[in-house]
Structure formats: C-alpha cells, structure tokens
Amino acid sequence: MSLTTNLELQKKAQQGKYAVGAFNTSNLEITQAILEAAAENSSPVIIATSQSAIEYAGIETLSNLVRTLAGHLSIPVSLHLDHGTDYDIIIGCLRHGWTSVMIDGSHAPLEENIAMTREIVKVAHAAGISVEAELGRLVGVEDQISVKAEDALLTDPDEAVRFVSETGCDTLAVAIGTSHGAYKFKGEAKLDFDRLKAIIRKVEVPLVLHGASSVKREIVEKGTQYGARLPGAAGVPEEHIRKAISLGITKVNIDTDLRLAFTAVTREFLAQQPEVFDPRKVLGAGRQGMKEVVKEKIALLGSVGKA
C-alpha cells in the first residue's frame, strides 16, 4: 500500500475516537518492529523520524526503508518528520517521499512561529503533504530538542485558535504537561485536562500529544537488573493517555518506550547468552522487545482493527 498522510489518519481517528501511534525510528530493526506490530493488529501507524535520525541513517536510506517495508502491507502508514526545525531538512523530506512534516517553531515568539509555520504549510500543501505544528513548549530532552523547565509553556486555547487560523496547519501539537525523555515528572504526574478540553472546544483540527511514553516500571527494572542506570525514570500513566484520547487527542508520540525496551531486552539477551556474537541475533532480540511495546501501545490507543 502507498503511504498516506497524518491528516488522513488523524481525521479518521477523530471520527472514531481513538488515536494513532507515532513511533520514532532510525534503523531497520525499529522500523520492522513498528510495522510488524501494526500489521498484526490491523492498525494504522505513523513512522516518525527526527532530524537526528535522518542525519544518522541518511534521508534516502530512511525513505527507501520505510517505503519498501510498508509497500508490502495492507495497513495505512504515514512517514512523518518529527520536530522539524531545520528548513533544509524539512524541504529535503518533502522531496524524498515524506507524507507529513512537523514544523516546530515553538521555541520562537508567537508571531515568528506563525510566520515560519505558514511558510512551510504553503510549500508542503503544494506537494500534497500535511503539516503538524506546535504551540507551547514541552520540557525535557529528545534528540536535538532540549527544553528546560523554566522555559516550558502550556498551550493557550485562545492563541491556538489564532495560530490554526493564520497558519493553515493540518494538525496541532499541544503542551498540557507532558515532557520528552525518560524523566518526565518529579513526583505525581499532572496533566492539564481542563486546558485540553478548552483547546478542543475552540479548535477543529486534530490534536497531537507529544512526550507520551509511559516508561513502564517493569522495563526500567529489567534494564537496571542488567546494568542500565535509569534512576528516577518516570513517564505518563496509561490512564492519563486514555483520558487524553477520550477528550480528543488523535496522535500520540512514542519514542522513549521503544528505546528503553530495546536497551532492557538487549542487555538481558547479552547477559544470558554471552556466547552469542551474531549481530542479527542480538538486534533481533531487541526488535522483539520493541515490537511487544508497539503492540501494547496500539491496544492502549484504541487503534486495533482500524486499518
């Protein structure tokens, strides 16, 4: 099946009251894990690539990899640029087969964010590609994105109305208290659901929740058991994600949970089978660990059977 856009996937999710998972990849094994899990659960899925992933693997390599693997499947798949801040990389993605791009101008003042988003929307829409934008800033670290707590801002509902109207963006990532990375909260997790309700009442475009990995305790404990150092790692409780979807979130970004699963399972495999030195077997174990996580997330998001 040919690739589709985030907008098409999220519109259907908006109507069906579920969310589509956006899982970050940077290599063969991660992409296989995501697509196999989605296909086995008859779920739509978004393959997300960060700018650093593109720099790591190469833009043509990632494009060809996703298109080749997805082309054999009967589920809808989108290839998405996550947190695009570099104009040249965004344009490169438009030219190399991405079907959705995110322009992240959240670091800039509102007027500047509107201007840069509007420019990308104009170029992307001319190529039939959907655009995600971000209003508000999530605390935390993920690849090249790093935001200190004092610089984090929650999305203002009234500004969201103006932003969507003046930019023409197709989907909007909102900040309601989640954060990037494996260390999302100190103490109890707190998401501003009242703010989310207000945004949904005012804005019609599909909404996105970034920084939504759950950082499951059992995975952290397994990694720690086999040598990982992850003190204080904490994520978004699954019940919070369910509530956000019930209120109208249609795309949920997940990256850290895959990284943690790969690390934990790979460490376990190497410790328990020290005689193995075949990279395919080592990476295969990590791939299976990530695949199980993707399956769990698809069930959590309610997208099973929605392909």
Protein backbone atom coordinates (compact mmCIF):
# COMPACT_ATOMS: atom_id res chain seq x y z
CA MET A 1 0.00 0.00 0.00
CA SER A 2 1.25 3.51 -0.80
CA LEU A 3 1.88 5.87 2.09
CA THR A 4 -0.79 8.25 3.31
CA THR A 5 -0.72 11.49 5.32
CA ASN A 6 -1.02 12.13 9.03
CA LEU A 7 -4.06 14.27 8.34
CA GLU A 8 -5.94 11.42 6.70
CA LEU A 9 -5.09 9.06 9.56
CA GLN A 10 -5.95 11.59 12.25
CA LYS A 11 -9.24 12.64 10.69
CA LYS A 12 -10.39 9.03 10.81
CA ALA A 13 -9.15 8.76 14.38
CA GLN A 14 -11.02 11.95 15.25
CA GLN A 15 -14.25 10.45 13.91
CA GLY A 16 -13.62 7.06 15.53
CA LYS A 17 -12.49 8.46 18.90
CA TYR A 18 -9.14 6.68 19.01
CA ALA A 19 -5.55 7.75 18.44
CA VAL A 20 -2.82 6.70 16.02
CA GLY A 21 0.62 5.95 17.41
CA ALA A 22 3.60 7.82 16.02
CA PHE A 23 6.67 5.72 16.71
CA ASN A 24 10.17 7.06 16.07
CA THR A 25 12.65 5.06 14.03
CA SER A 26 16.24 5.41 12.91
CA ASN A 27 17.11 1.94 11.58
CA LEU A 28 15.89 -1.35 10.10
CA GLU A 29 15.05 -3.19 13.31
CA ILE A 30 12.96 -0.38 14.82
CA THR A 31 11.03 0.05 11.57
CA GLN A 32 10.39 -3.69 11.34
CA ALA A 33 9.16 -3.80 14.93
CA ILE A 34 6.72 -0.94 14.37
CA LEU A 35 5.31 -2.16 11.07
CA GLU A 36 5.04 -5.83 12.07
CA ALA A 37 3.17 -4.94 15.25
CA ALA A 38 0.81 -2.61 13.37
CA ALA A 39 0.16 -5.14 10.60
CA GLU A 40 -0.55 -7.96 13.06
CA ASN A 41 -3.07 -5.73 14.83
CA SER A 42 -4.59 -4.29 11.63
CA SER A 43 -3.77 -0.79 12.88
CA PRO A 44 -2.86 2.40 11.07
CA VAL A 45 0.54 3.69 12.12
CA ILE A 46 2.82 6.71 11.77
CA ILE A 47 6.55 6.14 11.29
CA ALA A 48 8.25 9.22 12.73
CA THR A 49 11.81 10.32 12.04
CA SER A 50 13.65 13.03 13.92
CA GLN A 51 16.20 15.27 12.27
CA SER A 52 18.99 13.46 14.12
CA ALA A 53 17.64 10.12 12.84
CA ILE A 54 17.86 11.46 9.29
CA GLU A 55 21.41 12.65 9.92
CA TYR A 56 22.26 9.24 11.40
CA ALA A 57 20.77 6.97 8.74
CA GLY A 58 20.56 9.23 5.69
CA ILE A 59 17.44 10.74 4.19
CA GLU A 60 17.31 8.45 1.14
CA THR A 61 18.02 5.37 3.26
CA LEU A 62 15.16 6.07 5.67
CA SER A 63 12.75 6.95 2.88
CA ASN A 64 13.55 3.81 0.90
CA LEU A 65 13.48 1.64 4.04
CA VAL A 66 10.04 2.74 5.18
CA ARG A 67 8.56 2.73 1.69
CA THR A 68 9.90 -0.72 0.89
CA LEU A 69 8.67 -2.31 4.12
CA ALA A 70 5.32 -0.51 4.14
CA GLY A 71 4.72 -1.25 0.48
CA HIS A 72 4.17 -4.94 1.25
CA LEU A 73 1.49 -4.23 3.86
CA SER A 74 -2.24 -3.58 3.61
CA ILE A 75 -2.40 -1.11 6.50
CA PRO A 76 -2.26 2.70 6.13
CA VAL A 77 1.18 4.10 7.00
CA SER A 78 2.44 7.66 7.13
CA LEU A 79 6.10 8.74 7.04
CA HIS A 80 6.43 11.78 9.27
CA LEU A 81 9.18 14.26 10.14
CA ASP A 82 9.13 14.86 13.89
CA HIS A 83 10.17 18.25 15.32
CA GLY A 84 11.41 19.83 12.13
CA THR A 85 13.41 22.94 12.95
CA ASP A 86 15.87 22.95 10.04
CA TYR A 87 14.38 24.38 6.84
CA ASP A 88 16.70 22.41 4.56
CA ILE A 89 15.83 19.10 6.23
CA ILE A 90 12.11 19.86 6.03
CA ILE A 91 12.39 20.62 2.31
CA GLY A 92 14.53 17.52 1.88
CA CYS A 93 11.77 15.41 3.42
CA LEU A 94 9.22 16.95 1.07
CA ARG A 95 11.44 15.94 -1.84
CA HIS A 96 12.22 12.43 -0.60
CA GLY A 97 8.78 11.00 -0.01
CA TRP A 98 7.73 12.03 3.48
CA THR A 99 3.95 12.34 3.59
CA SER A 100 3.81 14.56 6.67
CA VAL A 101 6.18 17.06 8.24
CA MET A 102 6.20 18.85 11.55
CA ILE A 103 7.43 22.41 11.67
CA ASP A 104 8.41 23.11 15.27
CA GLY A 105 8.50 26.84 15.83
CA SER A 106 7.51 26.52 19.48
CA HIS A 107 10.85 27.97 20.58
CA ALA A 108 10.01 31.25 18.88
CA PRO A 109 7.64 34.09 19.85
CA LEU A 110 4.06 33.60 18.64
CA GLU A 111 4.33 35.92 15.62
CA GLU A 112 7.51 34.24 14.43
CA ASN A 113 6.06 30.76 14.98
CA ILE A 114 3.03 31.73 12.89
CA ALA A 115 5.19 33.12 10.09
CA MET A 116 7.51 30.13 9.81
CA THR A 117 4.64 27.64 10.07
CA ARG A 118 2.66 29.45 7.40
CA GLU A 119 5.64 29.27 5.04
CA ILE A 120 6.07 25.51 5.48
CA VAL A 121 2.32 24.94 5.12
CA LYS A 122 2.34 26.76 1.77
CA VAL A 123 5.21 24.66 0.39
CA ALA A 124 4.01 21.34 1.82
CA HIS A 125 0.40 21.73 0.72
CA ALA A 126 1.57 22.40 -2.84
CA ALA A 127 3.09 18.92 -2.73
CA GLY A 128 0.04 17.29 -1.11
CA ILE A 129 1.82 16.82 2.22
CA SER A 130 0.18 17.50 5.60
CA VAL A 131 1.75 19.73 8.23
CA GLU A 132 1.84 19.40 12.01
CA ALA A 133 2.76 22.46 14.05
CA GLU A 134 3.38 23.05 17.74
CA LEU A 135 2.14 25.74 20.08
CA GLY A 136 3.54 25.67 23.60
CA ARG A 137 6.80 24.01 24.70
CA LEU A 138 7.36 20.64 26.36
CA VAL A 139 10.10 20.35 28.95
CA GLY A 140 12.69 17.59 28.51
CA VAL A 141 15.28 16.22 26.11
CA GLU A 142 14.75 14.16 22.95
CA ASP A 143 17.42 14.01 20.25
CA GLN A 144 18.18 17.61 19.28
CA ILE A 145 15.21 19.05 21.25
CA SER A 146 16.09 20.30 24.74
CA VAL A 147 13.82 22.50 26.86
CA LYS A 148 14.48 23.49 30.47
CA ALA A 149 11.59 23.50 32.96
CA GLU A 150 11.69 27.29 33.29
CA ASP A 151 11.28 27.64 29.51
CA ALA A 152 8.31 25.28 29.19
CA LEU A 153 4.95 26.83 28.26
CA LEU A 154 1.49 25.30 28.15
CA THR A 155 -0.69 25.94 25.12
CA ASP A 156 -3.07 28.89 25.41
CA PRO A 157 -6.50 27.94 23.96
CA ASP A 158 -7.17 31.40 22.51
CA GLU A 159 -3.73 31.55 20.93
CA ALA A 160 -4.40 28.11 19.45
CA VAL A 161 -7.46 29.46 17.62
CA ARG A 162 -5.46 32.29 16.10
CA PHE A 163 -2.48 30.05 15.32
CA VAL A 164 -4.50 27.48 13.39
CA SER A 165 -6.46 30.15 11.54
CA GLU A 166 -3.42 32.14 10.45
CA THR A 167 -1.10 29.23 9.61
CA GLY A 168 -3.45 26.75 7.98
CA CYS A 169 -1.69 23.85 9.73
CA ASP A 170 -3.42 20.49 9.41
CA THR A 171 -2.78 19.19 12.93
CA LEU A 172 -1.59 20.80 16.15
CA ALA A 173 0.69 19.52 18.90
CA VAL A 174 -0.35 20.95 22.26
CA ALA A 175 1.52 21.26 25.53
CA ILE A 176 -0.58 20.19 28.53
CA GLY A 177 2.12 18.99 30.91
CA THR A 178 3.84 16.02 29.27
CA SER A 179 7.58 16.10 28.55
CA HIS A 180 10.20 14.45 26.39
CA GLY A 181 12.61 11.76 27.52
CA ALA A 182 12.60 9.16 30.31
CA TYR A 183 12.41 11.64 33.20
CA LYS A 184 9.06 13.32 32.68
CA PHE A 185 7.92 14.04 36.22
CA LYS A 186 9.31 14.60 39.67
CA GLY A 187 6.57 13.25 41.87
CA GLU A 188 2.98 12.78 40.73
CA ALA A 189 2.20 13.15 37.03
CA LYS A 190 -0.06 16.14 36.37
CA LEU A 191 -1.65 16.87 33.00
CA ASP A 192 -3.89 19.88 32.44
CA PHE A 193 -7.01 18.19 31.09
CA ASP A 194 -9.13 21.30 31.57
CA ARG A 195 -6.77 23.12 29.22
CA LEU A 196 -7.06 20.29 26.71
CA LYS A 197 -10.87 20.44 26.89
CA ALA A 198 -10.77 24.19 26.24
CA ILE A 199 -8.49 23.77 23.23
CA ILE A 200 -10.69 21.04 21.76
CA ARG A 201 -13.79 23.22 22.17
CA LYS A 202 -12.14 26.03 20.23
CA VAL A 203 -10.01 24.25 17.61
CA GLU A 204 -11.28 21.83 14.96
CA VAL A 205 -8.02 20.40 13.61
CA PRO A 206 -6.82 17.05 15.01
CA LEU A 207 -4.59 17.37 18.07
CA VAL A 208 -1.32 15.67 18.98
CA LEU A 209 0.18 14.64 22.33
CA HIS A 210 3.97 14.65 22.41
CA GLY A 211 6.14 13.20 25.17
CA ALA A 212 3.66 10.41 25.88
CA SER A 213 5.88 7.42 26.69
CA SER A 214 4.78 5.59 29.83
CA VAL A 215 8.28 4.49 30.96
CA LYS A 216 6.88 1.24 32.36
CA ARG A 217 8.36 0.23 35.67
CA GLU A 218 8.98 -3.41 34.68
CA ILE A 219 11.05 -2.39 31.65
CA VAL A 220 13.10 0.06 33.69
CA GLU A 221 13.64 -2.60 36.36
CA LYS A 222 14.75 -5.17 33.77
CA GLY A 223 17.21 -2.71 32.28
CA THR A 224 18.52 -1.86 35.72
CA GLN A 225 18.86 -5.54 36.59
CA TYR A 226 21.21 -6.00 33.66
CA GLY A 227 23.31 -2.90 34.18
CA ALA A 228 21.37 0.11 32.93
CA ARG A 229 21.38 3.26 35.05
CA LEU A 230 17.95 4.89 34.99
CA PRO A 231 17.37 6.36 38.46
CA GLY A 232 14.16 8.38 38.72
CA ALA A 233 12.83 7.47 35.28
CA ALA A 234 9.09 8.19 35.13
CA GLY A 235 6.54 8.56 32.35
CA VAL A 236 2.91 9.38 31.61
CA PRO A 237 0.48 6.96 33.33
CA GLU A 238 -1.57 4.96 30.87
CA GLU A 239 -4.83 6.16 32.39
CA HIS A 240 -3.79 9.73 31.56
CA ILE A 241 -3.20 8.77 27.94
CA ARG A 242 -6.61 7.07 27.77
CA LYS A 243 -8.27 10.18 29.16
CA ALA A 244 -6.48 12.46 26.71
CA ILE A 245 -7.70 10.28 23.84
CA SER A 246 -11.24 10.25 25.20
CA LEU A 247 -11.15 14.05 25.17
CA GLY A 248 -9.98 14.22 21.55
CA ILE A 249 -6.24 13.58 21.12
CA THR A 250 -5.76 11.72 17.80
CA LYS A 251 -1.99 11.19 17.59
CA VAL A 252 0.28 10.05 20.41
CA ASN A 253 4.07 10.25 20.05
CA ILE A 254 6.13 7.39 21.49
CA ASP A 255 9.92 7.13 21.33
CA THR A 256 11.43 6.66 24.78
CA ASP A 257 9.46 3.48 25.49
CA LEU A 258 10.97 1.83 22.42
CA ARG A 259 14.47 2.87 23.40
CA LEU A 260 14.03 1.55 26.92
CA ALA A 261 12.62 -1.77 25.68
CA PHE A 262 15.48 -2.23 23.23
CA THR A 263 18.04 -1.45 25.92
CA ALA A 264 16.49 -3.72 28.55
CA VAL A 265 15.91 -6.72 26.28
CA THR A 266 19.27 -6.45 24.55
CA ARG A 267 21.11 -6.24 27.87
CA GLU A 268 19.19 -9.27 29.12
CA PHE A 269 19.97 -11.24 25.96
CA LEU A 270 23.69 -10.48 26.09
CA ALA A 271 23.88 -11.34 29.78
CA GLN A 272 22.03 -14.62 29.42
CA GLN A 273 23.69 -15.70 26.17
CA PRO A 274 27.31 -14.47 26.40
CA GLU A 275 28.40 -16.94 23.73
CA VAL A 276 26.34 -15.20 21.02
CA PHE A 277 28.21 -12.75 18.81
CA ASP A 278 25.90 -12.65 15.78
CA PRO A 279 24.58 -9.08 15.50
CA ARG A 280 21.41 -10.36 13.85
CA LYS A 281 20.51 -12.39 16.92
CA VAL A 282 21.35 -9.56 19.30
CA LEU A 283 19.39 -6.97 17.32
CA GLY A 284 16.61 -9.49 16.73
CA ALA A 285 16.07 -9.79 20.47
CA GLY A 286 15.88 -6.03 20.80
CA ARG A 287 13.49 -5.84 17.85
CA GLN A 288 11.14 -8.32 19.50
CA GLY A 289 11.20 -6.30 22.72
CA MET A 290 10.22 -3.15 20.83
CA LYS A 291 7.54 -4.99 18.87
CA GLU A 292 5.83 -6.07 22.08
CA VAL A 293 5.80 -2.46 23.27
CA VAL A 294 4.27 -1.25 20.00
CA LYS A 295 1.54 -3.89 20.29
CA GLU A 296 0.74 -2.72 23.82
CA LYS A 297 0.60 0.91 22.69
CA ILE A 298 -1.68 0.15 19.75
CA ALA A 299 -4.11 -1.53 22.16
CA LEU A 300 -3.83 1.41 24.56
CA LEU A 301 -4.58 3.94 21.83
CA GLY A 302 -7.61 2.01 20.61
CA SER A 303 -6.41 1.64 17.01
CA VAL A 304 -6.57 -2.17 16.81
CA GLY A 305 -8.61 -3.14 13.75
CA LYS A 306 -8.85 0.45 12.47
CA ALA A 307 -6.71 -0.09 9.38
